Full PDB file with SEQRES, HELIX, SHEET, SSBOND, CRYST1, ORIGX, SCALE, CONECT and MASTER records, all heavy atoms in Angstrom:
SEQRES   1 A   41  LEU GLU GLU LEU LYS ALA GLU VAL ALA ARG SER PRO GLU          
SEQRES   2 A   41  ASP ALA HIS VAL TYR GLU ASP ASP ILE LYS TYR VAL ASP          
SEQRES   3 A   41  TYR PHE VAL ARG LEU ILE ASP GLN THR ILE PRO ASP GLU          
SEQRES   4 A   41  LYS THR                                                      
HELIX    1 AA1 GLU A    2  ARG A   10  1                                   9    
HELIX    2 AA2 PRO A   12  ASP A   14  5                                   3    
HELIX    3 AA3 ALA A   15  ASP A   33  1                                  19    
CRYST1    1.000    1.000    1.000  90.00  90.00  90.00 P 1           1          
ORIGX1      1.000000  0.000000  0.000000        0.00000                         
ORIGX2      0.000000  1.000000  0.000000        0.00000                         
ORIGX3      0.000000  0.000000  1.000000        0.00000                         
SCALE1      1.000000  0.000000  0.000000        0.00000                         
SCALE2      0.000000  1.000000  0.000000        0.00000                         
SCALE3      0.000000  0.000000  1.000000        0.00000                         
ATOM      1  N   LEU A   1      -2.990   2.196   5.572  1.00  0.00           N  
ATOM      2  CA  LEU A   1      -3.239   3.243   4.650  1.00  0.00           C  
ATOM      3  C   LEU A   1      -2.903   2.683   3.163  1.00  0.00           C  
ATOM      4  O   LEU A   1      -3.693   2.908   2.257  1.00  0.00           O  
ATOM      5  CB  LEU A   1      -2.559   4.506   4.935  1.00  0.00           C  
ATOM      6  CG  LEU A   1      -2.874   5.738   4.053  1.00  0.00           C  
ATOM      7  CD1 LEU A   1      -4.322   6.105   4.187  1.00  0.00           C  
ATOM      8  CD2 LEU A   1      -1.911   6.915   4.486  1.00  0.00           C  
ATOM      9  N   GLU A   2      -1.777   2.082   3.081  1.00  0.00           N  
ATOM     10  CA  GLU A   2      -1.389   1.516   1.800  1.00  0.00           C  
ATOM     11  C   GLU A   2      -2.311   0.457   1.326  1.00  0.00           C  
ATOM     12  O   GLU A   2      -2.666   0.440   0.099  1.00  0.00           O  
ATOM     13  CB  GLU A   2       0.068   0.953   1.871  1.00  0.00           C  
ATOM     14  CG  GLU A   2       1.120   2.027   2.066  1.00  0.00           C  
ATOM     15  CD  GLU A   2       1.188   3.003   0.963  1.00  0.00           C  
ATOM     16  OE1 GLU A   2       1.051   2.620  -0.179  1.00  0.00           O  
ATOM     17  OE2 GLU A   2       1.371   4.254   1.297  1.00  0.00           O  
ATOM     18  N   GLU A   3      -2.822  -0.361   2.204  1.00  0.00           N  
ATOM     19  CA  GLU A   3      -3.814  -1.373   1.847  1.00  0.00           C  
ATOM     20  C   GLU A   3      -5.087  -0.814   1.322  1.00  0.00           C  
ATOM     21  O   GLU A   3      -5.688  -1.237   0.424  1.00  0.00           O  
ATOM     22  CB  GLU A   3      -4.019  -2.353   3.035  1.00  0.00           C  
ATOM     23  CG  GLU A   3      -2.845  -3.150   3.420  1.00  0.00           C  
ATOM     24  CD  GLU A   3      -3.054  -3.928   4.782  1.00  0.00           C  
ATOM     25  OE1 GLU A   3      -4.174  -3.855   5.278  1.00  0.00           O  
ATOM     26  OE2 GLU A   3      -2.137  -4.662   5.178  1.00  0.00           O  
ATOM     27  N   LEU A   4      -5.492   0.276   2.087  1.00  0.00           N  
ATOM     28  CA  LEU A   4      -6.764   0.918   1.661  1.00  0.00           C  
ATOM     29  C   LEU A   4      -6.687   1.538   0.322  1.00  0.00           C  
ATOM     30  O   LEU A   4      -7.599   1.428  -0.461  1.00  0.00           O  
ATOM     31  CB  LEU A   4      -7.158   1.951   2.765  1.00  0.00           C  
ATOM     32  CG  LEU A   4      -7.604   1.396   4.138  1.00  0.00           C  
ATOM     33  CD1 LEU A   4      -7.740   2.510   5.104  1.00  0.00           C  
ATOM     34  CD2 LEU A   4      -8.968   0.678   4.016  1.00  0.00           C  
ATOM     35  N   LYS A   5      -5.539   2.226   0.050  1.00  0.00           N  
ATOM     36  CA  LYS A   5      -5.330   2.777  -1.266  1.00  0.00           C  
ATOM     37  C   LYS A   5      -5.310   1.769  -2.312  1.00  0.00           C  
ATOM     38  O   LYS A   5      -5.753   2.005  -3.475  1.00  0.00           O  
ATOM     39  CB  LYS A   5      -4.084   3.673  -1.217  1.00  0.00           C  
ATOM     40  CG  LYS A   5      -4.192   4.946  -0.404  1.00  0.00           C  
ATOM     41  CD  LYS A   5      -2.884   5.761  -0.356  1.00  0.00           C  
ATOM     42  CE  LYS A   5      -3.085   7.027   0.422  1.00  0.00           C  
ATOM     43  NZ  LYS A   5      -1.834   7.848   0.465  1.00  0.00           N  
ATOM     44  N   ALA A   6      -4.707   0.641  -2.051  1.00  0.00           N  
ATOM     45  CA  ALA A   6      -4.625  -0.439  -3.033  1.00  0.00           C  
ATOM     46  C   ALA A   6      -6.022  -1.001  -3.321  1.00  0.00           C  
ATOM     47  O   ALA A   6      -6.257  -1.301  -4.501  1.00  0.00           O  
ATOM     48  CB  ALA A   6      -3.686  -1.575  -2.458  1.00  0.00           C  
ATOM     49  N   GLU A   7      -6.853  -1.023  -2.356  1.00  0.00           N  
ATOM     50  CA  GLU A   7      -8.230  -1.521  -2.571  1.00  0.00           C  
ATOM     51  C   GLU A   7      -8.947  -0.501  -3.427  1.00  0.00           C  
ATOM     52  O   GLU A   7      -9.717  -0.964  -4.370  1.00  0.00           O  
ATOM     53  CB  GLU A   7      -9.000  -1.594  -1.234  1.00  0.00           C  
ATOM     54  CG  GLU A   7      -8.557  -2.798  -0.313  1.00  0.00           C  
ATOM     55  CD  GLU A   7      -8.967  -4.118  -0.984  1.00  0.00           C  
ATOM     56  OE1 GLU A   7      -9.875  -4.093  -1.776  1.00  0.00           O  
ATOM     57  OE2 GLU A   7      -8.334  -5.156  -0.615  1.00  0.00           O  
ATOM     58  N   VAL A   8      -8.714   0.840  -3.289  1.00  0.00           N  
ATOM     59  CA  VAL A   8      -9.430   1.793  -4.094  1.00  0.00           C  
ATOM     60  C   VAL A   8      -8.858   1.656  -5.519  1.00  0.00           C  
ATOM     61  O   VAL A   8      -9.629   1.795  -6.520  1.00  0.00           O  
ATOM     62  CB  VAL A   8      -9.158   3.190  -3.485  1.00  0.00           C  
ATOM     63  CG1 VAL A   8      -9.607   4.213  -4.462  1.00  0.00           C  
ATOM     64  CG2 VAL A   8      -9.852   3.348  -2.171  1.00  0.00           C  
ATOM     65  N   ALA A   9      -7.521   1.445  -5.669  1.00  0.00           N  
ATOM     66  CA  ALA A   9      -6.996   1.263  -6.996  1.00  0.00           C  
ATOM     67  C   ALA A   9      -7.557   0.085  -7.752  1.00  0.00           C  
ATOM     68  O   ALA A   9      -7.767   0.074  -8.949  1.00  0.00           O  
ATOM     69  CB  ALA A   9      -5.453   1.117  -6.842  1.00  0.00           C  
ATOM     70  N   ARG A  10      -7.904  -1.048  -6.996  1.00  0.00           N  
ATOM     71  CA  ARG A  10      -8.400  -2.220  -7.540  1.00  0.00           C  
ATOM     72  C   ARG A  10      -9.859  -1.995  -7.961  1.00  0.00           C  
ATOM     73  O   ARG A  10     -10.404  -2.593  -8.901  1.00  0.00           O  
ATOM     74  CB  ARG A  10      -8.262  -3.435  -6.642  1.00  0.00           C  
ATOM     75  CG  ARG A  10      -6.839  -4.000  -6.634  1.00  0.00           C  
ATOM     76  CD  ARG A  10      -6.818  -5.338  -5.873  1.00  0.00           C  
ATOM     77  NE  ARG A  10      -7.089  -5.228  -4.542  1.00  0.00           N  
ATOM     78  CZ  ARG A  10      -6.126  -5.027  -3.595  1.00  0.00           C  
ATOM     79  NH1 ARG A  10      -4.830  -4.982  -3.929  1.00  0.00           N  
ATOM     80  NH2 ARG A  10      -6.478  -4.894  -2.307  1.00  0.00           N  
ATOM     81  N   SER A  11     -10.590  -1.237  -7.107  1.00  0.00           N  
ATOM     82  CA  SER A  11     -12.047  -1.086  -7.299  1.00  0.00           C  
ATOM     83  C   SER A  11     -12.383   0.383  -7.201  1.00  0.00           C  
ATOM     84  O   SER A  11     -12.907   0.831  -6.180  1.00  0.00           O  
ATOM     85  CB  SER A  11     -12.827  -1.917  -6.317  1.00  0.00           C  
ATOM     86  OG  SER A  11     -12.474  -3.270  -6.303  1.00  0.00           O  
ATOM     87  N   PRO A  12     -12.069   1.209  -8.148  1.00  0.00           N  
ATOM     88  CA  PRO A  12     -12.358   2.623  -8.123  1.00  0.00           C  
ATOM     89  C   PRO A  12     -13.803   2.926  -7.806  1.00  0.00           C  
ATOM     90  O   PRO A  12     -14.209   3.916  -7.256  1.00  0.00           O  
ATOM     91  CB  PRO A  12     -11.857   3.159  -9.484  1.00  0.00           C  
ATOM     92  CG  PRO A  12     -11.010   2.140  -9.971  1.00  0.00           C  
ATOM     93  CD  PRO A  12     -11.392   0.861  -9.420  1.00  0.00           C  
ATOM     94  N   GLU A  13     -14.658   2.061  -8.327  1.00  0.00           N  
ATOM     95  CA  GLU A  13     -16.107   2.285  -8.147  1.00  0.00           C  
ATOM     96  C   GLU A  13     -16.563   2.227  -6.705  1.00  0.00           C  
ATOM     97  O   GLU A  13     -17.644   2.732  -6.285  1.00  0.00           O  
ATOM     98  CB  GLU A  13     -16.986   1.332  -9.056  1.00  0.00           C  
ATOM     99  CG  GLU A  13     -16.824  -0.118  -8.621  1.00  0.00           C  
ATOM    100  CD  GLU A  13     -15.601  -0.855  -9.140  1.00  0.00           C  
ATOM    101  OE1 GLU A  13     -14.730  -0.193  -9.702  1.00  0.00           O  
ATOM    102  OE2 GLU A  13     -15.561  -2.073  -8.833  1.00  0.00           O  
ATOM    103  N   ASP A  14     -15.702   1.571  -5.848  1.00  0.00           N  
ATOM    104  CA  ASP A  14     -15.999   1.445  -4.430  1.00  0.00           C  
ATOM    105  C   ASP A  14     -15.195   2.443  -3.542  1.00  0.00           C  
ATOM    106  O   ASP A  14     -15.097   2.284  -2.345  1.00  0.00           O  
ATOM    107  CB  ASP A  14     -15.677   0.010  -3.933  1.00  0.00           C  
ATOM    108  CG  ASP A  14     -16.620  -1.005  -4.639  1.00  0.00           C  
ATOM    109  OD1 ASP A  14     -17.782  -0.668  -5.008  1.00  0.00           O  
ATOM    110  OD2 ASP A  14     -16.163  -2.199  -4.831  1.00  0.00           O  
ATOM    111  N   ALA A  15     -14.685   3.470  -4.139  1.00  0.00           N  
ATOM    112  CA  ALA A  15     -13.823   4.369  -3.446  1.00  0.00           C  
ATOM    113  C   ALA A  15     -14.521   5.059  -2.264  1.00  0.00           C  
ATOM    114  O   ALA A  15     -13.926   5.255  -1.234  1.00  0.00           O  
ATOM    115  CB  ALA A  15     -13.280   5.482  -4.390  1.00  0.00           C  
ATOM    116  N   HIS A  16     -15.833   5.276  -2.483  1.00  0.00           N  
ATOM    117  CA  HIS A  16     -16.580   5.913  -1.429  1.00  0.00           C  
ATOM    118  C   HIS A  16     -16.708   5.067  -0.179  1.00  0.00           C  
ATOM    119  O   HIS A  16     -16.882   5.504   0.967  1.00  0.00           O  
ATOM    120  CB  HIS A  16     -17.970   6.296  -1.928  1.00  0.00           C  
ATOM    121  CG  HIS A  16     -18.801   5.031  -2.256  1.00  0.00           C  
ATOM    122  ND1 HIS A  16     -18.628   4.377  -3.399  1.00  0.00           N  
ATOM    123  CD2 HIS A  16     -19.844   4.439  -1.587  1.00  0.00           C  
ATOM    124  CE1 HIS A  16     -19.475   3.338  -3.418  1.00  0.00           C  
ATOM    125  NE2 HIS A  16     -20.211   3.364  -2.318  1.00  0.00           N  
ATOM    126  N   VAL A  17     -16.520   3.717  -0.368  1.00  0.00           N  
ATOM    127  CA  VAL A  17     -16.658   2.830   0.816  1.00  0.00           C  
ATOM    128  C   VAL A  17     -15.454   3.031   1.705  1.00  0.00           C  
ATOM    129  O   VAL A  17     -15.574   2.927   2.951  1.00  0.00           O  
ATOM    130  CB  VAL A  17     -16.741   1.355   0.307  1.00  0.00           C  
ATOM    131  CG1 VAL A  17     -16.681   0.428   1.510  1.00  0.00           C  
ATOM    132  CG2 VAL A  17     -17.982   1.159  -0.577  1.00  0.00           C  
ATOM    133  N   TYR A  18     -14.304   3.281   1.109  1.00  0.00           N  
ATOM    134  CA  TYR A  18     -13.074   3.410   1.894  1.00  0.00           C  
ATOM    135  C   TYR A  18     -12.743   4.828   2.314  1.00  0.00           C  
ATOM    136  O   TYR A  18     -11.722   5.093   2.976  1.00  0.00           O  
ATOM    137  CB  TYR A  18     -11.875   2.771   1.148  1.00  0.00           C  
ATOM    138  CG  TYR A  18     -12.104   1.410   0.734  1.00  0.00           C  
ATOM    139  CD1 TYR A  18     -12.511   1.012  -0.589  1.00  0.00           C  
ATOM    140  CD2 TYR A  18     -11.945   0.337   1.660  1.00  0.00           C  
ATOM    141  CE1 TYR A  18     -12.649  -0.251  -0.924  1.00  0.00           C  
ATOM    142  CE2 TYR A  18     -12.170  -0.975   1.265  1.00  0.00           C  
ATOM    143  CZ  TYR A  18     -12.508  -1.234  -0.011  1.00  0.00           C  
ATOM    144  OH  TYR A  18     -12.743  -2.556  -0.329  1.00  0.00           O  
ATOM    145  N   GLU A  19     -13.494   5.833   1.862  1.00  0.00           N  
ATOM    146  CA  GLU A  19     -13.139   7.197   2.054  1.00  0.00           C  
ATOM    147  C   GLU A  19     -12.958   7.578   3.484  1.00  0.00           C  
ATOM    148  O   GLU A  19     -11.997   8.262   3.859  1.00  0.00           O  
ATOM    149  CB  GLU A  19     -14.248   8.097   1.416  1.00  0.00           C  
ATOM    150  CG  GLU A  19     -13.982   9.598   1.494  1.00  0.00           C  
ATOM    151  CD  GLU A  19     -15.080  10.452   0.796  1.00  0.00           C  
ATOM    152  OE1 GLU A  19     -15.962   9.821   0.232  1.00  0.00           O  
ATOM    153  OE2 GLU A  19     -14.966  11.671   0.934  1.00  0.00           O  
ATOM    154  N   ASP A  20     -13.953   7.242   4.348  1.00  0.00           N  
ATOM    155  CA  ASP A  20     -13.800   7.612   5.782  1.00  0.00           C  
ATOM    156  C   ASP A  20     -12.643   6.950   6.475  1.00  0.00           C  
ATOM    157  O   ASP A  20     -11.951   7.527   7.195  1.00  0.00           O  
ATOM    158  CB  ASP A  20     -15.110   7.177   6.544  1.00  0.00           C  
ATOM    159  CG  ASP A  20     -16.312   8.115   6.266  1.00  0.00           C  
ATOM    160  OD1 ASP A  20     -16.004   9.147   5.559  1.00  0.00           O  
ATOM    161  OD2 ASP A  20     -17.367   7.885   6.712  1.00  0.00           O  
ATOM    162  N   ASP A  21     -12.456   5.605   6.096  1.00  0.00           N  
ATOM    163  CA  ASP A  21     -11.267   4.899   6.693  1.00  0.00           C  
ATOM    164  C   ASP A  21     -10.000   5.587   6.288  1.00  0.00           C  
ATOM    165  O   ASP A  21      -9.064   5.710   7.101  1.00  0.00           O  
ATOM    166  CB  ASP A  21     -11.314   3.464   6.219  1.00  0.00           C  
ATOM    167  CG  ASP A  21     -12.395   2.643   6.942  1.00  0.00           C  
ATOM    168  OD1 ASP A  21     -12.909   3.132   7.934  1.00  0.00           O  
ATOM    169  OD2 ASP A  21     -12.740   1.566   6.468  1.00  0.00           O  
ATOM    170  N   ILE A  22      -9.888   6.020   5.009  1.00  0.00           N  
ATOM    171  CA  ILE A  22      -8.636   6.585   4.579  1.00  0.00           C  
ATOM    172  C   ILE A  22      -8.382   7.900   5.248  1.00  0.00           C  
ATOM    173  O   ILE A  22      -7.249   8.241   5.695  1.00  0.00           O  
ATOM    174  CB  ILE A  22      -8.720   6.787   3.010  1.00  0.00           C  
ATOM    175  CG1 ILE A  22      -8.598   5.428   2.326  1.00  0.00           C  
ATOM    176  CG2 ILE A  22      -7.572   7.760   2.520  1.00  0.00           C  
ATOM    177  CD1 ILE A  22      -8.734   5.530   0.835  1.00  0.00           C  
ATOM    178  N   LYS A  23      -9.432   8.756   5.495  1.00  0.00           N  
ATOM    179  CA  LYS A  23      -9.274  10.002   6.158  1.00  0.00           C  
ATOM    180  C   LYS A  23      -8.884   9.795   7.559  1.00  0.00           C  
ATOM    181  O   LYS A  23      -7.990  10.491   8.099  1.00  0.00           O  
ATOM    182  CB  LYS A  23     -10.640  10.743   6.155  1.00  0.00           C  
ATOM    183  CG  LYS A  23     -10.992  11.366   4.765  1.00  0.00           C  
ATOM    184  CD  LYS A  23     -12.318  12.090   4.917  1.00  0.00           C  
ATOM    185  CE  LYS A  23     -12.737  12.716   3.569  1.00  0.00           C  
ATOM    186  NZ  LYS A  23     -14.017  13.394   3.708  1.00  0.00           N  
ATOM    187  N   TYR A  24      -9.416   8.803   8.233  1.00  0.00           N  
ATOM    188  CA  TYR A  24      -9.166   8.576   9.580  1.00  0.00           C  
ATOM    189  C   TYR A  24      -7.690   8.151   9.778  1.00  0.00           C  
ATOM    190  O   TYR A  24      -6.951   8.602  10.640  1.00  0.00           O  
ATOM    191  CB  TYR A  24     -10.080   7.511  10.176  1.00  0.00           C  
ATOM    192  CG  TYR A  24      -9.834   6.987  11.568  1.00  0.00           C  
ATOM    193  CD1 TYR A  24     -10.462   7.610  12.648  1.00  0.00           C  
ATOM    194  CD2 TYR A  24      -8.940   5.917  11.822  1.00  0.00           C  
ATOM    195  CE1 TYR A  24     -10.201   7.211  13.960  1.00  0.00           C  
ATOM    196  CE2 TYR A  24      -8.659   5.520  13.154  1.00  0.00           C  
ATOM    197  CZ  TYR A  24      -9.340   6.145  14.132  1.00  0.00           C  
ATOM    198  OH  TYR A  24      -9.088   5.793  15.462  1.00  0.00           O  
ATOM    199  N   VAL A  25      -7.223   7.162   8.996  1.00  0.00           N  
ATOM    200  CA  VAL A  25      -5.879   6.593   9.108  1.00  0.00           C  
ATOM    201  C   VAL A  25      -4.894   7.681   8.745  1.00  0.00           C  
ATOM    202  O   VAL A  25      -3.865   7.837   9.446  1.00  0.00           O  
ATOM    203  CB  VAL A  25      -5.771   5.292   8.281  1.00  0.00           C  
ATOM    204  CG1 VAL A  25      -4.319   4.843   8.315  1.00  0.00           C  
ATOM    205  CG2 VAL A  25      -6.743   4.207   8.761  1.00  0.00           C  
ATOM    206  N   ASP A  26      -5.160   8.336   7.673  1.00  0.00           N  
ATOM    207  CA  ASP A  26      -4.213   9.354   7.239  1.00  0.00           C  
ATOM    208  C   ASP A  26      -4.028  10.491   8.269  1.00  0.00           C  
ATOM    209  O   ASP A  26      -2.942  10.960   8.466  1.00  0.00           O  
ATOM    210  CB  ASP A  26      -4.768  10.047   5.953  1.00  0.00           C  
ATOM    211  CG  ASP A  26      -3.819  11.067   5.441  1.00  0.00           C  
ATOM    212  OD1 ASP A  26      -2.642  10.671   4.993  1.00  0.00           O  
ATOM    213  OD2 ASP A  26      -4.181  12.253   5.437  1.00  0.00           O  
ATOM    214  N   TYR A  27      -5.092  10.838   8.981  1.00  0.00           N  
ATOM    215  CA  TYR A  27      -5.033  11.807  10.069  1.00  0.00           C  
ATOM    216  C   TYR A  27      -4.028  11.451  11.121  1.00  0.00           C  
ATOM    217  O   TYR A  27      -3.187  12.266  11.476  1.00  0.00           O  
ATOM    218  CB  TYR A  27      -6.420  12.055  10.619  1.00  0.00           C  
ATOM    219  CG  TYR A  27      -6.425  12.826  11.903  1.00  0.00           C  
ATOM    220  CD1 TYR A  27      -6.212  14.249  11.931  1.00  0.00           C  
ATOM    221  CD2 TYR A  27      -6.563  12.185  13.098  1.00  0.00           C  
ATOM    222  CE1 TYR A  27      -6.194  14.907  13.254  1.00  0.00           C  
ATOM    223  CE2 TYR A  27      -6.477  12.884  14.320  1.00  0.00           C  
ATOM    224  CZ  TYR A  27      -6.307  14.202  14.367  1.00  0.00           C  
ATOM    225  OH  TYR A  27      -6.253  14.931  15.587  1.00  0.00           O  
ATOM    226  N   PHE A  28      -4.193  10.224  11.627  1.00  0.00           N  
ATOM    227  CA  PHE A  28      -3.287   9.735  12.683  1.00  0.00           C  
ATOM    228  C   PHE A  28      -1.854   9.602  12.204  1.00  0.00           C  
ATOM    229  O   PHE A  28      -0.913   9.839  13.002  1.00  0.00           O  
ATOM    230  CB  PHE A  28      -3.824   8.479  13.343  1.00  0.00           C  
ATOM    231  CG  PHE A  28      -4.924   8.754  14.303  1.00  0.00           C  
ATOM    232  CD1 PHE A  28      -6.247   8.532  13.978  1.00  0.00           C  
ATOM    233  CD2 PHE A  28      -4.629   9.228  15.585  1.00  0.00           C  
ATOM    234  CE1 PHE A  28      -7.226   8.778  14.877  1.00  0.00           C  
ATOM    235  CE2 PHE A  28      -5.625   9.462  16.474  1.00  0.00           C  
ATOM    236  CZ  PHE A  28      -6.905   9.189  16.151  1.00  0.00           C  
ATOM    237  N   VAL A  29      -1.675   9.150  10.990  1.00  0.00           N  
ATOM    238  CA  VAL A  29      -0.322   9.067  10.497  1.00  0.00           C  
ATOM    239  C   VAL A  29       0.395  10.411  10.468  1.00  0.00           C  
ATOM    240  O   VAL A  29       1.540  10.639  10.946  1.00  0.00           O  
ATOM    241  CB  VAL A  29      -0.280   8.437   9.057  1.00  0.00           C  
ATOM    242  CG1 VAL A  29       1.109   8.584   8.380  1.00  0.00           C  
ATOM    243  CG2 VAL A  29      -0.705   6.950   9.162  1.00  0.00           C  
ATOM    244  N   ARG A  30      -0.349  11.456   9.985  1.00  0.00           N  
ATOM    245  CA  ARG A  30       0.294  12.797   9.832  1.00  0.00           C  
ATOM    246  C   ARG A  30       0.426  13.347  11.257  1.00  0.00           C  
ATOM    247  O   ARG A  30       1.392  14.112  11.505  1.00  0.00           O  
ATOM    248  CB  ARG A  30      -0.678  13.682   8.966  1.00  0.00           C  
ATOM    249  CG  ARG A  30      -0.644  13.220   7.504  1.00  0.00           C  
ATOM    250  CD  ARG A  30      -1.810  13.877   6.821  1.00  0.00           C  
ATOM    251  NE  ARG A  30      -1.687  15.318   6.767  1.00  0.00           N  
ATOM    252  CZ  ARG A  30      -2.622  16.192   6.369  1.00  0.00           C  
ATOM    253  NH1 ARG A  30      -3.894  15.663   6.041  1.00  0.00           N  
ATOM    254  NH2 ARG A  30      -2.432  17.386   6.455  1.00  0.00           N  
ATOM    255  N   LEU A  31      -0.576  13.145  12.199  1.00  0.00           N  
ATOM    256  CA  LEU A  31      -0.407  13.709  13.551  1.00  0.00           C  
ATOM    257  C   LEU A  31       0.799  13.206  14.248  1.00  0.00           C  
ATOM    258  O   LEU A  31       1.577  13.991  14.861  1.00  0.00           O  
ATOM    259  CB  LEU A  31      -1.689  13.305  14.304  1.00  0.00           C  
ATOM    260  CG  LEU A  31      -1.724  13.821  15.761  1.00  0.00           C  
ATOM    261  CD1 LEU A  31      -1.647  15.389  15.806  1.00  0.00           C  
ATOM    262  CD2 LEU A  31      -2.958  13.304  16.470  1.00  0.00           C  
ATOM    263  N   ILE A  32       1.003  11.867  14.210  1.00  0.00           N  
ATOM    264  CA  ILE A  32       2.188  11.299  14.918  1.00  0.00           C  
ATOM    265  C   ILE A  32       3.477  11.716  14.163  1.00  0.00           C  
ATOM    266  O   ILE A  32       4.485  11.945  14.888  1.00  0.00           O  
ATOM    267  CB  ILE A  32       2.029   9.787  14.962  1.00  0.00           C  
ATOM    268  CG1 ILE A  32       0.816   9.329  15.805  1.00  0.00           C  
ATOM    269  CG2 ILE A  32       3.318   9.067  15.614  1.00  0.00           C  
ATOM    270  CD1 ILE A  32       0.444   7.881  15.712  1.00  0.00           C  
ATOM    271  N   ASP A  33       3.473  11.773  12.823  1.00  0.00           N  
ATOM    272  CA  ASP A  33       4.676  12.129  12.116  1.00  0.00           C  
ATOM    273  C   ASP A  33       5.075  13.543  12.489  1.00  0.00           C  
ATOM    274  O   ASP A  33       6.318  13.812  12.368  1.00  0.00           O  
ATOM    275  CB  ASP A  33       4.305  12.093  10.614  1.00  0.00           C  
ATOM    276  CG  ASP A  33       4.794  10.797   9.972  1.00  0.00           C  
ATOM    277  OD1 ASP A  33       5.661  10.099  10.617  1.00  0.00           O  
ATOM    278  OD2 ASP A  33       4.417  10.443   8.883  1.00  0.00           O  
ATOM    279  N   GLN A  34       4.225  14.431  12.862  1.00  0.00           N  
ATOM    280  CA  GLN A  34       4.665  15.762  13.210  1.00  0.00           C  
ATOM    281  C   GLN A  34       4.843  16.039  14.681  1.00  0.00           C  
ATOM    282  O   GLN A  34       5.117  17.107  15.149  1.00  0.00           O  
ATOM    283  CB  GLN A  34       3.608  16.810  12.657  1.00  0.00           C  
ATOM    284  CG  GLN A  34       2.303  16.844  13.342  1.00  0.00           C  
ATOM    285  CD  GLN A  34       1.347  17.771  12.805  1.00  0.00           C  
ATOM    286  OE1 GLN A  34       1.500  18.257  11.634  1.00  0.00           O  
ATOM    287  NE2 GLN A  34       0.419  18.307  13.634  1.00  0.00           N  
ATOM    288  N   THR A  35       4.734  14.919  15.429  1.00  0.00           N  
ATOM    289  CA  THR A  35       4.895  15.008  16.910  1.00  0.00           C  
ATOM    290  C   THR A  35       6.020  14.250  17.511  1.00  0.00           C  
ATOM    291  O   THR A  35       6.744  14.756  18.365  1.00  0.00           O  
ATOM    292  CB  THR A  35       3.575  14.523  17.575  1.00  0.00           C  
ATOM    293  OG1 THR A  35       2.441  15.198  17.022  1.00  0.00           O  
ATOM    294  CG2 THR A  35       3.614  14.797  19.110  1.00  0.00           C  
ATOM    295  N   ILE A  36       6.237  12.959  17.010  1.00  0.00           N  
ATOM    296  CA  ILE A  36       7.184  12.102  17.509  1.00  0.00           C  
ATOM    297  C   ILE A  36       8.309  11.764  16.545  1.00  0.00           C  
ATOM    298  O   ILE A  36       8.007  11.001  15.531  1.00  0.00           O  
ATOM    299  CB  ILE A  36       6.648  10.808  18.098  1.00  0.00           C  
ATOM    300  CG1 ILE A  36       5.464  11.105  19.091  1.00  0.00           C  
ATOM    301  CG2 ILE A  36       7.669   9.911  18.759  1.00  0.00           C  
ATOM    302  CD1 ILE A  36       5.922  11.781  20.358  1.00  0.00           C  
ATOM    303  N   PRO A  37       9.551  12.257  16.674  1.00  0.00           N  
ATOM    304  CA  PRO A  37      10.600  11.804  15.705  1.00  0.00           C  
ATOM    305  C   PRO A  37      11.097  10.420  16.085  1.00  0.00           C  
ATOM    306  O   PRO A  37      11.085  10.048  17.265  1.00  0.00           O  
ATOM    307  CB  PRO A  37      11.673  12.893  15.892  1.00  0.00           C  
ATOM    308  CG  PRO A  37      11.425  13.385  17.314  1.00  0.00           C  
ATOM    309  CD  PRO A  37      10.001  13.231  17.567  1.00  0.00           C  
ATOM    310  N   ASP A  38      11.586   9.674  15.111  1.00  0.00           N  
ATOM    311  CA  ASP A  38      12.161   8.357  15.445  1.00  0.00           C  
ATOM    312  C   ASP A  38      13.507   8.606  16.073  1.00  0.00           C  
ATOM    313  O   ASP A  38      14.146   9.668  16.140  1.00  0.00           O  
ATOM    314  CB  ASP A  38      12.216   7.545  14.158  1.00  0.00           C  
ATOM    315  CG  ASP A  38      13.028   8.210  13.025  1.00  0.00           C  
ATOM    316  OD1 ASP A  38      14.057   8.907  13.351  1.00  0.00           O  
ATOM    317  OD2 ASP A  38      12.764   7.945  11.812  1.00  0.00           O  
ATOM    318  N   GLU A  39      14.066   7.460  16.604  1.00  0.00           N  
ATOM    319  CA  GLU A  39      15.284   7.504  17.280  1.00  0.00           C  
ATOM    320  C   GLU A  39      16.449   8.077  16.519  1.00  0.00           C  
ATOM    321  O   GLU A  39      17.254   8.871  16.997  1.00  0.00           O  
ATOM    322  CB  GLU A  39      15.647   6.157  17.900  1.00  0.00           C  
ATOM    323  CG  GLU A  39      14.686   5.613  18.933  1.00  0.00           C  
ATOM    324  CD  GLU A  39      15.144   4.286  19.501  1.00  0.00           C  
ATOM    325  OE1 GLU A  39      16.104   3.744  18.931  1.00  0.00           O  
ATOM    326  OE2 GLU A  39      14.513   3.769  20.546  1.00  0.00           O  
ATOM    327  N   LYS A  40      16.553   7.629  15.258  1.00  0.00           N  
ATOM    328  CA  LYS A  40      17.707   8.084  14.460  1.00  0.00           C  
ATOM    329  C   LYS A  40      17.660   9.595  14.294  1.00  0.00           C  
ATOM    330  O   LYS A  40      18.675  10.254  14.336  1.00  0.00           O  
ATOM    331  CB  LYS A  40      17.742   7.439  13.085  1.00  0.00           C  
ATOM    332  CG  LYS A  40      18.826   7.746  12.164  1.00  0.00           C  
ATOM    333  CD  LYS A  40      18.743   7.036  10.848  1.00  0.00           C  
ATOM    334  CE  LYS A  40      19.854   7.443   9.916  1.00  0.00           C  
ATOM    335  NZ  LYS A  40      19.853   6.774   8.624  1.00  0.00           N  
ATOM    336  N   THR A  41      16.466  10.124  14.034  1.00  0.00           N  
ATOM    337  CA  THR A  41      16.390  11.600  13.800  1.00  0.00           C  
ATOM    338  C   THR A  41      16.682  12.373  15.003  1.00  0.00           C  
ATOM    339  O   THR A  41      17.412  13.344  15.041  1.00  0.00           O  
ATOM    340  CB  THR A  41      14.907  11.874  13.376  1.00  0.00           C  
ATOM    341  OG1 THR A  41      14.605  11.201  12.147  1.00  0.00           O  
ATOM    342  CG2 THR A  41      14.759  13.361  13.151  1.00  0.00           C  
TER     343      THR A  41                                                      
MASTER        0    0    0    3    0    0    0    6  342    1    0    4          
END                                                                             
């Protein structure tokens, strides 16, 4: 997700190219984040 956002920052005119990928990756990050806590937590 950080790499995709960096690509958009470098080439704002191509943001639409990465839009679907960003939505997909962000969805799974948020889903796992609200389901599985890490060991320390």
